[in-house]
Amino acid sequence: MSKSDKELAVEIAKSYIEASANLQQANGASKPIIKADNVLELIKDFHAELKKLD
């Protein structure tokens, strides 16, 4: 069974957050943790883009 656009959007957002956590700033410091409201916006944005692909 294939995944829904919502499930894919959550997986993409999760991968994006994990990749972002591994990035470092030019001075070697870690990037700040992504806030919950930003996570929701990421999921909404990815979901909207996936719906456009149908």
C-alpha atoms as a PDB file:
ATOM      1  CA  MET A   1       0.000   0.000   0.000  1.00  0.00           C
ATOM      2  CA  SER A   2       1.409   3.380  -0.966  1.00  0.00           C
ATOM      3  CA  LYS A   3       1.795   6.216   1.498  1.00  0.00           C
ATOM      4  CA  SER A   4      -0.511   9.203   1.575  1.00  0.00           C
ATOM      5  CA  ASP A   5       0.692  12.740   0.884  1.00  0.00           C
ATOM      6  CA  LYS A   6       0.368  13.459   4.610  1.00  0.00           C
ATOM      7  CA  GLU A   7       2.567  10.520   5.549  1.00  0.00           C
ATOM      8  CA  LEU A   8       5.159  11.516   2.958  1.00  0.00           C
ATOM      9  CA  ALA A   9       5.104  15.136   4.149  1.00  0.00           C
ATOM     10  CA  VAL A  10       5.841  13.998   7.713  1.00  0.00           C
ATOM     11  CA  GLU A  11       8.697  11.775   6.518  1.00  0.00           C
ATOM     12  CA  ILE A  12      10.199  14.595   4.444  1.00  0.00           C
ATOM     13  CA  ALA A  13       9.923  17.028   7.362  1.00  0.00           C
ATOM     14  CA  LYS A  14      11.559  14.472   9.673  1.00  0.00           C
ATOM     15  CA  SER A  15      14.451  13.980   7.251  1.00  0.00           C
ATOM     16  CA  TYR A  16      14.812  17.736   6.814  1.00  0.00           C
ATOM     17  CA  ILE A  17      14.978  18.250  10.583  1.00  0.00           C
ATOM     18  CA  GLU A  18      17.502  15.430  11.029  1.00  0.00           C
ATOM     19  CA  ALA A  19      19.704  16.852   8.266  1.00  0.00           C
ATOM     20  CA  SER A  20      19.421  20.356   9.730  1.00  0.00           C
ATOM     21  CA  ALA A  21      20.500  19.063  13.131  1.00  0.00           C
ATOM     22  CA  ASN A  22      23.747  17.844  11.588  1.00  0.00           C
ATOM     23  CA  LEU A  23      24.614  21.209  10.034  1.00  0.00           C
ATOM     24  CA  GLN A  24      27.031  23.534  11.720  1.00  0.00           C
ATOM     25  CA  GLN A  25      27.435  27.267  11.504  1.00  0.00           C
ATOM     26  CA  ALA A  26      30.636  28.797  10.142  1.00  0.00           C
ATOM     27  CA  ASN A  27      31.991  29.207  13.684  1.00  0.00           C
ATOM     28  CA  GLY A  28      31.483  25.489  14.415  1.00  0.00           C
ATOM     29  CA  ALA A  29      28.406  25.929  16.598  1.00  0.00           C
ATOM     30  CA  SER A  30      25.365  23.728  16.084  1.00  0.00           C
ATOM     31  CA  LYS A  31      22.237  25.117  14.508  1.00  0.00           C
ATOM     32  CA  PRO A  32      19.424  25.969  16.956  1.00  0.00           C
ATOM     33  CA  ILE A  33      16.700  23.382  17.538  1.00  0.00           C
ATOM     34  CA  ILE A  34      13.675  23.778  15.279  1.00  0.00           C
ATOM     35  CA  LYS A  35      10.607  24.963  17.208  1.00  0.00           C
ATOM     36  CA  ALA A  36       7.314  23.041  17.139  1.00  0.00           C
ATOM     37  CA  ASP A  37       5.436  25.722  15.200  1.00  0.00           C
ATOM     38  CA  ASN A  38       8.168  25.611  12.539  1.00  0.00           C
ATOM     39  CA  VAL A  39       7.781  21.829  12.321  1.00  0.00           C
ATOM     40  CA  LEU A  40       4.067  22.231  11.662  1.00  0.00           C
ATOM     41  CA  GLU A  41       4.770  24.810   8.960  1.00  0.00           C
ATOM     42  CA  LEU A  42       7.298  22.477   7.326  1.00  0.00           C
ATOM     43  CA  ILE A  43       4.752  19.658   7.239  1.00  0.00           C
ATOM     44  CA  LYS A  44       2.073  21.963   5.799  1.00  0.00           C
ATOM     45  CA  ASP A  45       4.456  23.307   3.155  1.00  0.00           C
ATOM     46  CA  PHE A  46       5.691  19.861   2.119  1.00  0.00           C
ATOM     47  CA  HIS A  47       2.126  18.533   2.043  1.00  0.00           C
ATOM     48  CA  ALA A  48       0.965  21.414  -0.159  1.00  0.00           C
ATOM     49  CA  GLU A  49       3.831  20.820  -2.578  1.00  0.00           C
ATOM     50  CA  LEU A  50       3.138  17.081  -2.720  1.00  0.00           C
ATOM     51  CA  LYS A  51      -0.537  17.738  -3.505  1.00  0.00           C
ATOM     52  CA  LYS A  52       0.572  19.877  -6.469  1.00  0.00           C
ATOM     53  CA  LEU A  53       2.410  16.880  -7.928  1.00  0.00           C
ATOM     54  CA  ASP A  54      -0.775  14.790  -8.290  1.00  0.00           C
END
